[in-house]
Amino acid sequence: MRRPTDPAAGLLSEEADDVFSALADRTRRRVLVRLADRPDDAGAVARDLGVSRQAVAKHLRVLTESGLVSARADRRRQVHAVRPDRIREISDLLGAVSRGWDRRLAQVKERAEAADRAESAERTEPADRTEPADRGGGAEPGGRAEPGGA
């Protein structure tokens, strides 16, 4: 998977489809984890995982075609190994998507905190402000208006 400048383009490519299809199967993920520990042939991986050699061979073919695993001849057997460069590419691609979500979540958090601060500020302001006294309106000290005005 080549590193596209746009993470969405990388995630939407046919090459990404192959990788994610390969990773969608639990047994293939188990094979990948096992090979990350130690490169080996299909028979050894099958014994370690308790799966038939034929099933492991099928899963190794899918993993190899997706580029996650490489195979090399070693005497009379095929030794399979995880390709760390490909795992890193996928990790980088998903990391770019993750960073985009982190930015969006940080913006949501900022807006929510700003709204909380504004709401708190409104609650701490005095609720009923007293209006200035009416000067010269003719009210008596008890608050009743004098008959006849002034």
N, C-alpha and C. Protein backbone atom coordinates (compact mmCIF):
# COMPACT_ATOMS: atom_id res chain seq x y z
N MET A 1 0.86 -1.17 0.00
CA MET A 1 0.00 0.00 0.00
C MET A 1 0.91 1.23 0.00
N ARG A 2 0.84 1.99 -1.04
CA ARG A 2 1.64 3.20 -1.10
C ARG A 2 1.00 4.24 -0.21
N ARG A 3 1.81 5.11 0.36
CA ARG A 3 1.30 6.11 1.29
C ARG A 3 0.69 7.29 0.54
N PRO A 4 -0.62 7.33 0.44
CA PRO A 4 -1.24 8.47 -0.24
C PRO A 4 -1.23 9.69 0.69
N THR A 5 -1.29 10.86 0.06
CA THR A 5 -1.32 12.07 0.88
C THR A 5 -2.67 12.23 1.56
N ASP A 6 -3.71 11.70 0.96
CA ASP A 6 -5.05 11.76 1.53
C ASP A 6 -5.37 10.40 2.15
N PRO A 7 -5.51 10.34 3.50
CA PRO A 7 -5.79 9.06 4.14
C PRO A 7 -7.06 8.39 3.62
N ALA A 8 -8.06 9.16 3.26
CA ALA A 8 -9.30 8.58 2.75
C ALA A 8 -9.03 7.82 1.45
N ALA A 9 -8.17 8.36 0.61
CA ALA A 9 -7.86 7.69 -0.65
C ALA A 9 -7.19 6.35 -0.37
N GLY A 10 -6.31 6.30 0.60
CA GLY A 10 -5.65 5.04 0.95
C GLY A 10 -6.62 4.02 1.51
N LEU A 11 -7.55 4.47 2.32
CA LEU A 11 -8.53 3.56 2.91
C LEU A 11 -9.54 3.05 1.91
N LEU A 12 -9.74 3.80 0.84
CA LEU A 12 -10.76 3.44 -0.14
C LEU A 12 -10.19 2.75 -1.37
N SER A 13 -8.92 2.42 -1.35
CA SER A 13 -8.29 1.78 -2.50
C SER A 13 -8.59 0.28 -2.53
N GLU A 14 -8.43 -0.32 -3.71
CA GLU A 14 -8.60 -1.78 -3.84
C GLU A 14 -7.54 -2.50 -3.02
N GLU A 15 -6.37 -1.92 -2.96
CA GLU A 15 -5.29 -2.52 -2.18
C GLU A 15 -5.67 -2.59 -0.70
N ALA A 16 -6.32 -1.55 -0.20
CA ALA A 16 -6.78 -1.56 1.19
C ALA A 16 -7.88 -2.61 1.37
N ASP A 17 -8.73 -2.78 0.36
CA ASP A 17 -9.76 -3.82 0.43
C ASP A 17 -9.12 -5.18 0.65
N ASP A 18 -8.04 -5.46 -0.08
CA ASP A 18 -7.36 -6.75 0.06
C ASP A 18 -6.80 -6.93 1.47
N VAL A 19 -6.18 -5.87 1.98
CA VAL A 19 -5.58 -5.95 3.32
C VAL A 19 -6.66 -6.15 4.38
N PHE A 20 -7.71 -5.35 4.32
CA PHE A 20 -8.73 -5.46 5.36
C PHE A 20 -9.55 -6.74 5.22
N SER A 21 -9.71 -7.24 4.00
CA SER A 21 -10.36 -8.55 3.83
C SER A 21 -9.51 -9.64 4.46
N ALA A 22 -8.21 -9.55 4.26
CA ALA A 22 -7.31 -10.54 4.85
C ALA A 22 -7.37 -10.48 6.38
N LEU A 23 -7.46 -9.28 6.92
CA LEU A 23 -7.49 -9.12 8.38
C LEU A 23 -8.86 -9.40 8.99
N ALA A 24 -9.88 -9.52 8.15
CA ALA A 24 -11.24 -9.73 8.66
C ALA A 24 -11.43 -11.11 9.27
N ASP A 25 -10.59 -12.06 8.88
CA ASP A 25 -10.73 -13.42 9.37
C ASP A 25 -9.88 -13.63 10.62
N ARG A 26 -10.51 -14.13 11.68
CA ARG A 26 -9.81 -14.33 12.96
C ARG A 26 -8.65 -15.30 12.83
N THR A 27 -8.83 -16.37 12.10
CA THR A 27 -7.74 -17.35 11.95
C THR A 27 -6.56 -16.71 11.24
N ARG A 28 -6.82 -15.89 10.23
CA ARG A 28 -5.70 -15.21 9.56
C ARG A 28 -4.99 -14.26 10.51
N ARG A 29 -5.75 -13.59 11.37
CA ARG A 29 -5.10 -12.72 12.36
C ARG A 29 -4.25 -13.54 13.32
N ARG A 30 -4.74 -14.72 13.70
CA ARG A 30 -3.96 -15.60 14.57
C ARG A 30 -2.66 -16.04 13.88
N VAL A 31 -2.76 -16.38 12.59
CA VAL A 31 -1.59 -16.76 11.80
C VAL A 31 -0.61 -15.59 11.76
N LEU A 32 -1.11 -14.39 11.53
CA LEU A 32 -0.27 -13.20 11.46
C LEU A 32 0.46 -12.96 12.78
N VAL A 33 -0.27 -13.08 13.88
CA VAL A 33 0.33 -12.90 15.20
C VAL A 33 1.40 -13.97 15.44
N ARG A 34 1.10 -15.19 15.06
CA ARG A 34 2.06 -16.28 15.24
C ARG A 34 3.31 -16.03 14.42
N LEU A 35 3.16 -15.60 13.18
CA LEU A 35 4.32 -15.32 12.33
C LEU A 35 5.10 -14.10 12.80
N ALA A 36 4.43 -13.16 13.43
CA ALA A 36 5.14 -11.99 13.96
C ALA A 36 6.09 -12.43 15.07
N ASP A 37 5.71 -13.48 15.76
CA ASP A 37 6.56 -14.02 16.82
C ASP A 37 7.77 -14.75 16.24
N ARG A 38 7.53 -15.55 15.16
CA ARG A 38 8.61 -16.34 14.57
C ARG A 38 8.21 -16.77 13.17
N PRO A 39 8.99 -16.40 12.15
CA PRO A 39 8.72 -16.88 10.79
C PRO A 39 8.79 -18.41 10.76
N ASP A 40 7.91 -19.01 9.95
CA ASP A 40 7.87 -20.48 9.93
C ASP A 40 7.12 -20.97 8.71
N ASP A 41 7.06 -22.30 8.56
CA ASP A 41 6.31 -22.89 7.47
C ASP A 41 4.89 -23.20 7.92
N ALA A 42 4.04 -23.55 6.95
CA ALA A 42 2.63 -23.78 7.23
C ALA A 42 2.42 -24.90 8.24
N GLY A 43 3.21 -25.94 8.16
CA GLY A 43 3.05 -27.08 9.08
C GLY A 43 3.30 -26.69 10.53
N ALA A 44 4.36 -25.93 10.77
CA ALA A 44 4.67 -25.51 12.13
C ALA A 44 3.61 -24.56 12.67
N VAL A 45 3.14 -23.65 11.84
CA VAL A 45 2.09 -22.72 12.26
C VAL A 45 0.82 -23.50 12.57
N ALA A 46 0.49 -24.48 11.73
CA ALA A 46 -0.71 -25.30 11.94
C ALA A 46 -0.63 -26.04 13.27
N ARG A 47 0.51 -26.63 13.57
CA ARG A 47 0.68 -27.34 14.84
C ARG A 47 0.50 -26.40 16.03
N ASP A 48 1.11 -25.23 15.94
CA ASP A 48 1.03 -24.27 17.05
C ASP A 48 -0.40 -23.75 17.27
N LEU A 49 -1.15 -23.60 16.20
CA LEU A 49 -2.50 -23.03 16.31
C LEU A 49 -3.59 -24.09 16.43
N GLY A 50 -3.23 -25.35 16.24
CA GLY A 50 -4.25 -26.40 16.30
C GLY A 50 -5.21 -26.35 15.13
N VAL A 51 -4.69 -26.00 13.96
CA VAL A 51 -5.48 -25.88 12.74
C VAL A 51 -4.84 -26.80 11.70
N SER A 52 -5.61 -27.26 10.74
CA SER A 52 -5.03 -28.14 9.72
C SER A 52 -4.00 -27.38 8.88
N ARG A 53 -3.04 -28.13 8.35
CA ARG A 53 -2.01 -27.53 7.51
C ARG A 53 -2.63 -26.92 6.26
N GLN A 54 -3.64 -27.60 5.71
CA GLN A 54 -4.30 -27.10 4.50
C GLN A 54 -5.00 -25.76 4.77
N ALA A 55 -5.63 -25.65 5.92
CA ALA A 55 -6.30 -24.38 6.27
C ALA A 55 -5.27 -23.27 6.43
N VAL A 56 -4.18 -23.57 7.11
CA VAL A 56 -3.13 -22.56 7.29
C VAL A 56 -2.55 -22.16 5.93
N ALA A 57 -2.34 -23.13 5.05
CA ALA A 57 -1.80 -22.82 3.72
C ALA A 57 -2.73 -21.87 2.97
N LYS A 58 -4.03 -22.12 3.08
CA LYS A 58 -5.02 -21.24 2.43
C LYS A 58 -4.93 -19.82 3.01
N HIS A 59 -4.88 -19.73 4.32
CA HIS A 59 -4.80 -18.41 4.97
C HIS A 59 -3.48 -17.71 4.63
N LEU A 60 -2.41 -18.47 4.55
CA LEU A 60 -1.11 -17.87 4.19
C LEU A 60 -1.14 -17.33 2.77
N ARG A 61 -1.84 -18.01 1.88
CA ARG A 61 -1.95 -17.52 0.50
C ARG A 61 -2.66 -16.17 0.47
N VAL A 62 -3.75 -16.04 1.23
CA VAL A 62 -4.49 -14.77 1.28
C VAL A 62 -3.60 -13.67 1.89
N LEU A 63 -2.91 -14.00 2.97
CA LEU A 63 -2.04 -13.01 3.63
C LEU A 63 -0.89 -12.60 2.72
N THR A 64 -0.37 -13.54 1.95
CA THR A 64 0.72 -13.23 1.02
C THR A 64 0.22 -12.36 -0.12
N GLU A 65 -0.94 -12.70 -0.68
CA GLU A 65 -1.51 -11.90 -1.77
C GLU A 65 -1.84 -10.48 -1.34
N SER A 66 -2.20 -10.31 -0.07
CA SER A 66 -2.51 -8.96 0.43
C SER A 66 -1.24 -8.17 0.75
N GLY A 67 -0.10 -8.86 0.73
CA GLY A 67 1.17 -8.18 0.99
C GLY A 67 1.54 -8.11 2.46
N LEU A 68 0.76 -8.74 3.33
CA LEU A 68 1.06 -8.69 4.76
C LEU A 68 2.12 -9.70 5.16
N VAL A 69 2.29 -10.74 4.35
CA VAL A 69 3.24 -11.82 4.64
C VAL A 69 4.07 -12.06 3.40
N SER A 70 5.32 -12.41 3.60
CA SER A 70 6.18 -12.80 2.48
C SER A 70 6.55 -14.27 2.65
N ALA A 71 6.93 -14.90 1.55
CA ALA A 71 7.34 -16.30 1.59
C ALA A 71 8.68 -16.43 0.88
N ARG A 72 9.53 -17.28 1.43
CA ARG A 72 10.81 -17.55 0.77
C ARG A 72 11.11 -19.04 0.90
N ALA A 73 11.75 -19.56 -0.11
CA ALA A 73 12.10 -20.97 -0.10
C ALA A 73 13.31 -21.17 0.82
N ASP A 74 13.22 -22.21 1.66
CA ASP A 74 14.32 -22.58 2.55
C ASP A 74 14.42 -24.09 2.50
N ARG A 75 15.33 -24.57 1.68
CA ARG A 75 15.47 -25.99 1.38
C ARG A 75 14.18 -26.50 0.75
N ARG A 76 13.48 -27.40 1.42
CA ARG A 76 12.28 -27.97 0.82
C ARG A 76 11.00 -27.38 1.39
N ARG A 77 11.07 -26.29 2.07
CA ARG A 77 9.87 -25.71 2.67
C ARG A 77 9.77 -24.22 2.37
N GLN A 78 8.56 -23.71 2.48
CA GLN A 78 8.30 -22.28 2.30
C GLN A 78 8.21 -21.66 3.69
N VAL A 79 9.09 -20.72 3.98
CA VAL A 79 9.06 -20.02 5.26
C VAL A 79 8.35 -18.70 5.07
N HIS A 80 7.32 -18.48 5.88
CA HIS A 80 6.52 -17.26 5.80
C HIS A 80 6.89 -16.33 6.95
N ALA A 81 6.86 -15.05 6.64
CA ALA A 81 7.19 -14.03 7.66
C ALA A 81 6.30 -12.81 7.45
N VAL A 82 6.03 -12.14 8.55
CA VAL A 82 5.26 -10.90 8.49
C VAL A 82 6.14 -9.83 7.84
N ARG A 83 5.51 -8.99 7.03
CA ARG A 83 6.23 -7.86 6.43
C ARG A 83 6.00 -6.63 7.30
N PRO A 84 6.95 -6.30 8.17
CA PRO A 84 6.76 -5.17 9.07
C PRO A 84 6.54 -3.84 8.34
N ASP A 85 7.12 -3.68 7.15
CA ASP A 85 6.92 -2.45 6.40
C ASP A 85 5.45 -2.26 6.04
N ARG A 86 4.78 -3.34 5.67
CA ARG A 86 3.35 -3.26 5.32
C ARG A 86 2.50 -2.99 6.56
N ILE A 87 2.85 -3.64 7.67
CA ILE A 87 2.11 -3.41 8.91
C ILE A 87 2.26 -1.95 9.32
N ARG A 88 3.45 -1.40 9.16
CA ARG A 88 3.70 0.00 9.50
C ARG A 88 2.90 0.93 8.60
N GLU A 89 2.82 0.61 7.30
CA GLU A 89 2.03 1.43 6.37
C GLU A 89 0.56 1.47 6.79
N ILE A 90 0.03 0.32 7.15
CA ILE A 90 -1.37 0.25 7.57
C ILE A 90 -1.56 1.03 8.87
N SER A 91 -0.62 0.85 9.77
CA SER A 91 -0.68 1.57 11.05
C SER A 91 -0.63 3.08 10.82
N ASP A 92 0.24 3.52 9.93
CA ASP A 92 0.35 4.96 9.62
C ASP A 92 -0.95 5.48 9.00
N LEU A 93 -1.53 4.69 8.11
CA LEU A 93 -2.78 5.08 7.47
C LEU A 93 -3.89 5.22 8.50
N LEU A 94 -4.03 4.23 9.35
CA LEU A 94 -5.06 4.30 10.39
C LEU A 94 -4.74 5.40 11.41
N GLY A 95 -3.45 5.64 11.64
CA GLY A 95 -3.05 6.72 12.54
C GLY A 95 -3.49 8.09 12.01
N ALA A 96 -3.39 8.27 10.69
CA ALA A 96 -3.83 9.54 10.09
C ALA A 96 -5.32 9.73 10.31
N VAL A 97 -6.08 8.67 10.14
CA VAL A 97 -7.53 8.75 10.37
C VAL A 97 -7.79 9.05 11.85
N SER A 98 -7.06 8.38 12.71
CA SER A 98 -7.22 8.58 14.15
C SER A 98 -6.90 10.02 14.55
N ARG A 99 -5.84 10.57 13.99
CA ARG A 99 -5.48 11.97 14.30
C ARG A 99 -6.57 12.93 13.84
N GLY A 100 -7.20 12.63 12.70
CA GLY A 100 -8.31 13.46 12.23
C GLY A 100 -9.46 13.44 13.23
N TRP A 101 -9.78 12.26 13.75
CA TRP A 101 -10.85 12.15 14.76
C TRP A 101 -10.44 12.84 16.04
N ASP A 102 -9.17 12.72 16.43
CA ASP A 102 -8.70 13.40 17.64
C ASP A 102 -8.88 14.91 17.52
N ARG A 103 -8.57 15.46 16.32
CA ARG A 103 -8.75 16.90 16.11
C ARG A 103 -10.22 17.28 16.23
N ARG A 104 -11.08 16.49 15.61
CA ARG A 104 -12.52 16.79 15.67
C ARG A 104 -13.03 16.71 17.10
N LEU A 105 -12.62 15.69 17.82
CA LEU A 105 -13.06 15.55 19.22
C LEU A 105 -12.53 16.68 20.09
N ALA A 106 -11.32 17.14 19.83
CA ALA A 106 -10.77 18.28 20.58
C ALA A 106 -11.61 19.53 20.32
N GLN A 107 -12.05 19.72 19.07
CA GLN A 107 -12.90 20.88 18.75
C GLN A 107 -14.24 20.78 19.47
N VAL A 108 -14.81 19.60 19.49
CA VAL A 108 -16.08 19.40 20.20
C VAL A 108 -15.90 19.70 21.68
N LYS A 109 -14.80 19.23 22.25
CA LYS A 109 -14.51 19.47 23.67
C LYS A 109 -14.36 20.97 23.94
N GLU A 110 -13.61 21.66 23.07
CA GLU A 110 -13.43 23.11 23.23
C GLU A 110 -14.77 23.84 23.22
N ARG A 111 -15.62 23.48 22.26
CA ARG A 111 -16.93 24.15 22.15
C ARG A 111 -17.80 23.85 23.36
N ALA A 112 -17.77 22.62 23.83
CA ALA A 112 -18.58 22.25 25.00
C ALA A 112 -18.08 22.98 26.24
N GLU A 113 -16.76 23.08 26.40
CA GLU A 113 -16.21 23.79 27.55
C GLU A 113 -16.51 25.28 27.48
N ALA A 114 -16.45 25.86 26.28
CA ALA A 114 -16.78 27.28 26.12
C ALA A 114 -18.25 27.52 26.46
N ALA A 115 -19.12 26.62 26.04
CA ALA A 115 -20.54 26.75 26.36
C ALA A 115 -20.76 26.62 27.86
N ASP A 116 -20.05 25.71 28.51
CA ASP A 116 -20.15 25.56 29.97
C ASP A 116 -19.69 26.83 30.68
N ARG A 117 -18.57 27.41 30.20
CA ARG A 117 -18.06 28.64 30.82
C ARG A 117 -19.07 29.77 30.67
N ALA A 118 -19.65 29.89 29.48
CA ALA A 118 -20.64 30.96 29.23
C ALA A 118 -21.86 30.75 30.12
N GLU A 119 -22.30 29.52 30.25
CA GLU A 119 -23.45 29.22 31.08
C GLU A 119 -23.15 29.51 32.55
N SER A 120 -21.96 29.16 32.99
CA SER A 120 -21.56 29.43 34.38
C SER A 120 -21.50 30.93 34.64
N ALA A 121 -20.98 31.68 33.66
CA ALA A 121 -20.87 33.13 33.81
C ALA A 121 -22.26 33.75 33.92
N GLU A 122 -23.21 33.26 33.15
CA GLU A 122 -24.58 33.78 33.21
C GLU A 122 -25.20 33.51 34.57
N ARG A 123 -24.92 32.36 35.16
CA ARG A 123 -25.50 32.01 36.45
C ARG A 123 -24.91 32.84 37.58
N THR A 124 -23.67 33.27 37.46
CA THR A 124 -23.03 34.02 38.54
C THR A 124 -23.32 35.51 38.50
N GLU A 125 -23.86 36.03 37.38
CA GLU A 125 -24.23 37.44 37.32
C GLU A 125 -25.46 37.65 38.20
N PRO A 126 -25.57 38.85 38.86
CA PRO A 126 -26.76 39.12 39.68
C PRO A 126 -28.01 39.01 38.83
N ALA A 127 -28.99 38.27 39.34
CA ALA A 127 -30.19 38.00 38.57
C ALA A 127 -31.10 39.21 38.48
N ASP A 128 -31.36 39.93 39.63
CA ASP A 128 -32.26 41.08 39.54
C ASP A 128 -31.47 42.33 39.90
N ARG A 129 -31.27 43.11 38.92
CA ARG A 129 -30.56 44.37 39.13
C ARG A 129 -31.59 45.42 39.54
N THR A 130 -31.25 46.23 40.52
CA THR A 130 -32.18 47.27 40.96
C THR A 130 -32.09 48.45 40.02
N GLU A 131 -33.25 48.97 39.67
CA GLU A 131 -33.31 50.10 38.77
C GLU A 131 -33.05 51.38 39.56
N PRO A 132 -32.48 52.38 38.95
CA PRO A 132 -32.24 53.64 39.68
C PRO A 132 -33.56 54.23 40.17
N ALA A 133 -33.52 54.87 41.33
CA ALA A 133 -34.73 55.46 41.95
C ALA A 133 -35.27 56.57 41.07
N ASP A 134 -36.60 56.72 41.06
CA ASP A 134 -37.26 57.75 40.27
C ASP A 134 -37.11 59.07 41.03
N ARG A 135 -36.36 59.94 40.49
CA ARG A 135 -36.13 61.22 41.17
C ARG A 135 -37.18 62.22 40.71
N GLY A 136 -37.86 62.78 41.63
CA GLY A 136 -38.83 63.82 41.31
C GLY A 136 -40.14 63.27 40.83
N GLY A 137 -40.45 62.01 41.09
CA GLY A 137 -41.69 61.43 40.64
C GLY A 137 -42.81 61.65 41.63
N GLY A 138 -42.53 62.27 42.75
CA GLY A 138 -43.57 62.60 43.70
C GLY A 138 -43.95 61.46 44.60
N ALA A 139 -43.17 60.47 44.74
CA ALA A 139 -43.52 59.39 45.64
C ALA A 139 -43.11 59.76 47.04
N GLU A 140 -43.93 59.40 48.00
CA GLU A 140 -43.60 59.61 49.41
C GLU A 140 -42.60 58.57 49.84
N PRO A 141 -41.96 58.81 50.94
CA PRO A 141 -41.00 57.83 51.42
C PRO A 141 -41.60 56.45 51.59
N GLY A 142 -42.86 56.29 51.80
CA GLY A 142 -43.50 54.98 51.95
C GLY A 142 -43.82 54.33 50.62
N GLY A 143 -43.61 55.02 49.53
CA GLY A 143 -43.81 54.45 48.22
C GLY A 143 -45.14 54.78 47.63
N ARG A 144 -46.00 55.54 48.35
CA ARG A 144 -47.31 55.88 47.77
C ARG A 144 -47.21 57.24 47.10
N ALA A 145 -47.90 57.39 46.01
CA ALA A 145 -47.89 58.66 45.29
C ALA A 145 -48.77 59.64 46.00
N GLU A 146 -48.34 60.92 45.97
CA GLU A 146 -49.13 61.96 46.59
C GLU A 146 -50.33 62.27 45.73
N PRO A 147 -51.49 62.50 46.37
CA PRO A 147 -52.62 62.90 45.55
C PRO A 147 -52.38 64.27 44.96
N GLY A 148 -52.61 64.40 43.73
CA GLY A 148 -52.49 65.69 43.07
C GLY A 148 -51.16 65.90 42.41
N GLY A 149 -50.26 64.93 42.44
CA GLY A 149 -49.02 65.07 41.65
C GLY A 149 -47.87 65.53 42.48
N ALA A 150 -47.35 66.73 42.26
CA ALA A 150 -46.11 67.25 42.79
C ALA A 150 -46.28 67.54 44.20
